[in-house]
Amino acid sequence: MESVIQSYRIRLDGIRFRAKHGVSRAERDLPQDFVVCLEVELPIALLPRTDARARVFDYDRLASLVVDAGTSASYKLLETLAERIIARVLDDTPALCVTVQVKKFGPPTSVSVDAASVELSGKKRG
């Protein structure tokens, strides 16, 4: 029995970069560590029909887009950073839908918190 593929998703976990994001001036003065998990849904037509690396969507390209979006500007909010990453991936790839989780370690809180993260999803219009 032949299977029928219904979706094509790529997930990259643990894309790391250092950047200057945060609400306070102190947070934006020193680079901090950020970790991104990215999931993209691609058109099924892009699914490789042979077991050849040349036919697969380039994971490195996706990771590089995330790092570039995360390091090319400084944002106060994780939400804004996540939105910019989604916009960049949707604009620069054939992705139909993108989910991104952005994690920041040691957020400035009144109680001890290891990390804060935001997860957003977006899709191409039209």
N, C-alpha and C. Protein backbone atom coordinates (compact mmCIF):
# COMPACT_ATOMS: atom_id res chain seq x y z
N MET A 1 0.85 -1.18 0.00
CA MET A 1 0.00 0.00 0.00
C MET A 1 0.89 1.24 0.00
N GLU A 2 0.63 2.15 -0.90
CA GLU A 2 1.41 3.38 -1.04
C GLU A 2 0.86 4.44 -0.09
N SER A 3 1.76 5.13 0.60
CA SER A 3 1.31 6.19 1.51
C SER A 3 1.12 7.49 0.74
N VAL A 4 0.25 8.32 1.27
CA VAL A 4 0.00 9.63 0.69
C VAL A 4 0.45 10.67 1.72
N ILE A 5 1.46 11.41 1.37
CA ILE A 5 2.00 12.43 2.28
C ILE A 5 1.06 13.63 2.29
N GLN A 6 0.70 14.07 3.49
CA GLN A 6 -0.26 15.17 3.61
C GLN A 6 0.38 16.49 4.02
N SER A 7 1.57 16.44 4.62
CA SER A 7 2.24 17.69 4.98
C SER A 7 3.75 17.47 4.98
N TYR A 8 4.48 18.56 4.83
CA TYR A 8 5.94 18.53 4.81
C TYR A 8 6.42 19.63 5.74
N ARG A 9 6.97 19.23 6.87
CA ARG A 9 7.44 20.19 7.87
C ARG A 9 8.90 19.91 8.19
N ILE A 10 9.63 20.98 8.43
CA ILE A 10 11.01 20.89 8.91
C ILE A 10 11.05 21.62 10.24
N ARG A 11 11.67 21.00 11.23
CA ARG A 11 11.81 21.61 12.56
C ARG A 11 13.29 21.67 12.90
N LEU A 12 13.73 22.85 13.30
CA LEU A 12 15.10 23.05 13.77
C LEU A 12 15.03 23.47 15.23
N ASP A 13 15.63 22.69 16.10
CA ASP A 13 15.63 22.98 17.53
C ASP A 13 16.99 23.49 17.97
N GLY A 14 16.99 24.53 18.80
CA GLY A 14 18.23 24.99 19.40
C GLY A 14 19.10 25.85 18.51
N ILE A 15 18.51 26.71 17.69
CA ILE A 15 19.29 27.67 16.91
C ILE A 15 19.75 28.75 17.89
N ARG A 16 21.04 28.90 18.06
CA ARG A 16 21.59 29.79 19.10
C ARG A 16 22.27 31.00 18.50
N PHE A 17 22.09 32.13 19.18
CA PHE A 17 22.83 33.34 18.81
C PHE A 17 22.89 34.27 20.02
N ARG A 18 23.81 35.22 19.95
CA ARG A 18 23.94 36.25 20.98
C ARG A 18 23.50 37.57 20.38
N ALA A 19 22.67 38.30 21.13
CA ALA A 19 22.14 39.57 20.63
C ALA A 19 21.78 40.48 21.80
N LYS A 20 21.46 41.72 21.47
CA LYS A 20 21.13 42.73 22.47
C LYS A 20 19.64 43.08 22.40
N HIS A 21 18.82 42.23 23.01
CA HIS A 21 17.37 42.45 23.05
C HIS A 21 16.93 42.56 24.50
N GLY A 22 15.96 43.42 24.77
CA GLY A 22 15.40 43.55 26.11
C GLY A 22 14.80 44.91 26.32
N VAL A 23 13.94 45.01 27.32
CA VAL A 23 13.25 46.27 27.60
C VAL A 23 14.20 47.32 28.16
N SER A 24 15.05 46.91 29.08
CA SER A 24 15.93 47.90 29.75
C SER A 24 17.19 48.18 28.94
N ARG A 25 17.75 49.34 29.17
CA ARG A 25 19.01 49.72 28.53
C ARG A 25 20.10 48.72 28.90
N ALA A 26 20.13 48.27 30.16
CA ALA A 26 21.15 47.32 30.62
C ALA A 26 21.07 46.02 29.81
N GLU A 27 19.84 45.56 29.51
CA GLU A 27 19.68 44.34 28.73
C GLU A 27 20.19 44.51 27.30
N ARG A 28 20.05 45.73 26.78
CA ARG A 28 20.48 45.97 25.40
C ARG A 28 21.94 46.38 25.30
N ASP A 29 22.60 46.62 26.44
CA ASP A 29 24.01 46.99 26.40
C ASP A 29 24.95 45.80 26.22
N LEU A 30 24.57 44.66 26.79
CA LEU A 30 25.42 43.47 26.71
C LEU A 30 24.72 42.36 25.95
N PRO A 31 25.44 41.67 25.07
CA PRO A 31 24.83 40.55 24.35
C PRO A 31 24.38 39.45 25.31
N GLN A 32 23.22 38.87 25.02
CA GLN A 32 22.66 37.77 25.79
C GLN A 32 22.43 36.58 24.86
N ASP A 33 22.31 35.40 25.46
CA ASP A 33 22.05 34.20 24.67
C ASP A 33 20.56 34.04 24.40
N PHE A 34 20.24 33.70 23.16
CA PHE A 34 18.87 33.39 22.74
C PHE A 34 18.88 32.04 22.04
N VAL A 35 17.81 31.30 22.21
CA VAL A 35 17.66 30.00 21.54
C VAL A 35 16.30 30.00 20.84
N VAL A 36 16.32 29.60 19.58
CA VAL A 36 15.10 29.58 18.77
C VAL A 36 14.81 28.16 18.30
N CYS A 37 13.55 27.78 18.39
CA CYS A 37 13.05 26.57 17.76
C CYS A 37 12.15 27.02 16.61
N LEU A 38 12.37 26.47 15.47
CA LEU A 38 11.67 26.89 14.26
C LEU A 38 11.02 25.69 13.59
N GLU A 39 9.77 25.86 13.20
CA GLU A 39 9.10 24.83 12.39
C GLU A 39 8.49 25.51 11.18
N VAL A 40 8.79 24.98 10.01
CA VAL A 40 8.22 25.53 8.78
C VAL A 40 7.44 24.44 8.07
N GLU A 41 6.31 24.83 7.50
CA GLU A 41 5.56 23.93 6.64
C GLU A 41 5.83 24.35 5.21
N LEU A 42 6.28 23.39 4.42
CA LEU A 42 6.63 23.65 3.03
C LEU A 42 5.61 23.01 2.10
N PRO A 43 5.52 23.52 0.87
CA PRO A 43 4.63 22.88 -0.10
C PRO A 43 5.06 21.42 -0.34
N ILE A 44 4.11 20.53 -0.45
CA ILE A 44 4.42 19.12 -0.66
C ILE A 44 5.22 18.92 -1.95
N ALA A 45 5.04 19.80 -2.92
CA ALA A 45 5.80 19.71 -4.18
C ALA A 45 7.31 19.79 -3.95
N LEU A 46 7.74 20.37 -2.81
CA LEU A 46 9.17 20.48 -2.53
C LEU A 46 9.74 19.23 -1.85
N LEU A 47 8.89 18.29 -1.50
CA LEU A 47 9.36 17.06 -0.88
C LEU A 47 10.26 16.31 -1.86
N PRO A 48 11.46 15.95 -1.42
CA PRO A 48 12.38 15.25 -2.34
C PRO A 48 11.77 13.93 -2.84
N ARG A 49 11.88 13.68 -4.11
CA ARG A 49 11.37 12.45 -4.71
C ARG A 49 12.44 11.36 -4.78
N THR A 50 13.68 11.75 -4.53
CA THR A 50 14.78 10.78 -4.48
C THR A 50 15.54 11.01 -3.19
N ASP A 51 16.35 10.04 -2.82
CA ASP A 51 17.12 10.10 -1.59
C ASP A 51 18.46 10.81 -1.84
N ALA A 52 18.36 12.03 -2.37
CA ALA A 52 19.57 12.80 -2.70
C ALA A 52 19.55 14.12 -1.93
N ARG A 53 20.67 14.44 -1.31
CA ARG A 53 20.77 15.66 -0.50
C ARG A 53 20.45 16.91 -1.32
N ALA A 54 20.82 16.89 -2.57
CA ALA A 54 20.61 18.07 -3.43
C ALA A 54 19.13 18.41 -3.57
N ARG A 55 18.25 17.46 -3.30
CA ARG A 55 16.82 17.68 -3.47
C ARG A 55 16.11 18.17 -2.21
N VAL A 56 16.79 18.16 -1.06
CA VAL A 56 16.14 18.51 0.20
C VAL A 56 16.24 20.03 0.44
N PHE A 57 15.26 20.58 1.14
CA PHE A 57 15.31 22.00 1.47
C PHE A 57 16.48 22.26 2.41
N ASP A 58 17.18 23.34 2.22
CA ASP A 58 18.43 23.64 2.92
C ASP A 58 18.20 24.08 4.37
N TYR A 59 18.49 23.18 5.32
CA TYR A 59 18.34 23.49 6.75
C TYR A 59 19.23 24.65 7.15
N ASP A 60 20.45 24.66 6.61
CA ASP A 60 21.40 25.72 6.96
C ASP A 60 20.85 27.09 6.57
N ARG A 61 20.19 27.16 5.44
CA ARG A 61 19.60 28.43 5.00
C ARG A 61 18.56 28.91 6.00
N LEU A 62 17.72 28.00 6.49
CA LEU A 62 16.72 28.38 7.49
C LEU A 62 17.38 28.89 8.77
N ALA A 63 18.36 28.16 9.27
CA ALA A 63 19.04 28.55 10.50
C ALA A 63 19.74 29.90 10.32
N SER A 64 20.35 30.11 9.18
CA SER A 64 21.04 31.38 8.92
C SER A 64 20.07 32.55 8.86
N LEU A 65 18.88 32.34 8.29
CA LEU A 65 17.86 33.40 8.26
C LEU A 65 17.44 33.79 9.68
N VAL A 66 17.28 32.79 10.55
CA VAL A 66 16.90 33.05 11.94
C VAL A 66 17.97 33.87 12.64
N VAL A 67 19.22 33.46 12.50
CA VAL A 67 20.32 34.17 13.16
C VAL A 67 20.45 35.59 12.62
N ASP A 68 20.33 35.74 11.32
CA ASP A 68 20.41 37.09 10.74
C ASP A 68 19.28 37.98 11.24
N ALA A 69 18.05 37.46 11.27
CA ALA A 69 16.92 38.24 11.78
C ALA A 69 17.10 38.57 13.26
N GLY A 70 17.72 37.67 14.01
CA GLY A 70 17.91 37.87 15.45
C GLY A 70 19.06 38.77 15.83
N THR A 71 19.98 38.99 14.89
CA THR A 71 21.17 39.78 15.22
C THR A 71 21.29 41.08 14.43
N SER A 72 20.43 41.32 13.47
CA SER A 72 20.56 42.50 12.62
C SER A 72 19.94 43.76 13.22
N ALA A 73 19.13 43.61 14.26
CA ALA A 73 18.50 44.76 14.92
C ALA A 73 18.28 44.39 16.39
N SER A 74 18.00 45.42 17.20
CA SER A 74 17.75 45.21 18.62
C SER A 74 16.27 45.49 18.91
N TYR A 75 15.64 44.59 19.66
CA TYR A 75 14.22 44.74 19.97
C TYR A 75 14.01 44.70 21.48
N LYS A 76 12.99 45.41 21.94
CA LYS A 76 12.67 45.40 23.36
C LYS A 76 11.93 44.13 23.75
N LEU A 77 11.07 43.63 22.86
CA LEU A 77 10.19 42.52 23.20
C LEU A 77 10.55 41.23 22.44
N LEU A 78 10.44 40.11 23.13
CA LEU A 78 10.60 38.81 22.47
C LEU A 78 9.55 38.63 21.39
N GLU A 79 8.36 39.16 21.64
CA GLU A 79 7.28 39.06 20.67
C GLU A 79 7.65 39.72 19.34
N THR A 80 8.28 40.90 19.42
CA THR A 80 8.70 41.60 18.21
C THR A 80 9.78 40.81 17.49
N LEU A 81 10.73 40.28 18.23
CA LEU A 81 11.79 39.45 17.64
C LEU A 81 11.17 38.24 16.94
N ALA A 82 10.24 37.56 17.57
CA ALA A 82 9.59 36.39 16.97
C ALA A 82 8.84 36.79 15.69
N GLU A 83 8.15 37.92 15.72
CA GLU A 83 7.44 38.40 14.52
C GLU A 83 8.40 38.65 13.37
N ARG A 84 9.55 39.26 13.67
CA ARG A 84 10.55 39.56 12.63
C ARG A 84 11.13 38.28 12.03
N ILE A 85 11.34 37.28 12.87
CA ILE A 85 11.85 36.00 12.37
C ILE A 85 10.82 35.36 11.43
N ILE A 86 9.57 35.35 11.84
CA ILE A 86 8.50 34.78 11.00
C ILE A 86 8.43 35.51 9.67
N ALA A 87 8.43 36.83 9.70
CA ALA A 87 8.34 37.62 8.47
C ALA A 87 9.52 37.30 7.55
N ARG A 88 10.69 37.21 8.11
CA ARG A 88 11.89 36.94 7.30
C ARG A 88 11.81 35.56 6.64
N VAL A 89 11.41 34.55 7.40
CA VAL A 89 11.32 33.20 6.83
C VAL A 89 10.23 33.13 5.76
N LEU A 90 9.08 33.74 6.01
CA LEU A 90 8.01 33.73 5.02
C LEU A 90 8.39 34.50 3.75
N ASP A 91 9.11 35.60 3.92
CA ASP A 91 9.52 36.42 2.77
C ASP A 91 10.61 35.76 1.93
N ASP A 92 11.53 35.05 2.60
CA ASP A 92 12.74 34.57 1.91
C ASP A 92 12.75 33.08 1.59
N THR A 93 11.65 32.37 1.87
CA THR A 93 11.59 30.94 1.57
C THR A 93 10.20 30.62 1.02
N PRO A 94 10.02 29.42 0.50
CA PRO A 94 8.68 29.02 0.04
C PRO A 94 7.78 28.53 1.17
N ALA A 95 8.18 28.72 2.42
CA ALA A 95 7.39 28.25 3.56
C ALA A 95 5.97 28.80 3.49
N LEU A 96 5.01 27.95 3.80
CA LEU A 96 3.60 28.34 3.83
C LEU A 96 3.19 28.81 5.21
N CYS A 97 3.80 28.22 6.24
CA CYS A 97 3.46 28.47 7.62
C CYS A 97 4.74 28.36 8.45
N VAL A 98 4.87 29.20 9.46
CA VAL A 98 6.06 29.20 10.31
C VAL A 98 5.63 29.31 11.77
N THR A 99 6.23 28.48 12.62
CA THR A 99 6.07 28.59 14.06
C THR A 99 7.45 28.81 14.64
N VAL A 100 7.57 29.80 15.51
CA VAL A 100 8.87 30.11 16.10
C VAL A 100 8.70 30.26 17.61
N GLN A 101 9.63 29.68 18.35
CA GLN A 101 9.71 29.88 19.80
C GLN A 101 11.06 30.54 20.06
N VAL A 102 11.02 31.69 20.74
CA VAL A 102 12.24 32.42 21.10
C VAL A 102 12.39 32.35 22.62
N LYS A 103 13.56 31.90 23.06
CA LYS A 103 13.82 31.74 24.50
C LYS A 103 14.98 32.63 24.91
N LYS A 104 14.79 33.29 26.06
CA LYS A 104 15.80 34.17 26.65
C LYS A 104 16.07 33.67 28.07
N PHE A 105 17.34 33.57 28.42
CA PHE A 105 17.71 33.06 29.73
C PHE A 105 17.85 34.18 30.75
N GLY A 106 17.50 33.89 31.99
CA GLY A 106 17.65 34.85 33.08
C GLY A 106 16.94 36.16 32.86
N PRO A 107 15.64 36.14 32.56
CA PRO A 107 14.94 37.39 32.34
C PRO A 107 14.89 38.21 33.63
N PRO A 108 14.85 39.53 33.51
CA PRO A 108 14.80 40.38 34.70
C PRO A 108 13.42 40.31 35.36
N THR A 109 13.32 39.49 36.39
CA THR A 109 12.06 39.32 37.11
C THR A 109 12.32 39.48 38.60
N SER A 110 11.26 39.71 39.37
CA SER A 110 11.41 39.90 40.81
C SER A 110 11.63 38.58 41.55
N VAL A 111 11.35 37.46 40.89
CA VAL A 111 11.63 36.14 41.46
C VAL A 111 12.52 35.38 40.47
N SER A 112 13.13 34.32 40.92
CA SER A 112 14.04 33.55 40.07
C SER A 112 13.30 32.84 38.95
N VAL A 113 13.70 33.12 37.71
CA VAL A 113 13.14 32.47 36.52
C VAL A 113 14.31 32.08 35.63
N ASP A 114 14.39 30.81 35.28
CA ASP A 114 15.50 30.34 34.44
C ASP A 114 15.46 30.93 33.03
N ALA A 115 14.27 30.94 32.43
CA ALA A 115 14.15 31.42 31.06
C ALA A 115 12.71 31.85 30.79
N ALA A 116 12.58 32.73 29.82
CA ALA A 116 11.26 33.15 29.32
C ALA A 116 11.23 32.87 27.83
N SER A 117 10.07 32.43 27.33
CA SER A 117 9.98 32.20 25.90
C SER A 117 8.62 32.65 25.38
N VAL A 118 8.62 32.92 24.10
CA VAL A 118 7.41 33.33 23.40
C VAL A 118 7.30 32.43 22.16
N GLU A 119 6.09 31.99 21.84
CA GLU A 119 5.88 31.19 20.64
C GLU A 119 4.79 31.84 19.81
N LEU A 120 5.10 32.06 18.54
CA LEU A 120 4.15 32.65 17.60
C LEU A 120 4.11 31.80 16.33
N SER A 121 2.97 31.82 15.65
CA SER A 121 2.83 31.16 14.36
C SER A 121 2.29 32.15 13.36
N GLY A 122 2.72 32.02 12.13
CA GLY A 122 2.22 32.88 11.07
C GLY A 122 2.20 32.13 9.76
N LYS A 123 1.41 32.63 8.80
CA LYS A 123 1.35 31.98 7.50
C LYS A 123 1.31 33.03 6.40
N LYS A 124 1.63 32.58 5.19
CA LYS A 124 1.59 33.49 4.04
C LYS A 124 0.17 33.94 3.80
N ARG A 125 0.04 35.17 3.38
CA ARG A 125 -1.29 35.71 3.05
C ARG A 125 -1.67 35.28 1.65
N GLY A 126 -2.97 35.18 1.47
CA GLY A 126 -3.47 34.89 0.13
C GLY A 126 -3.41 33.49 -0.19
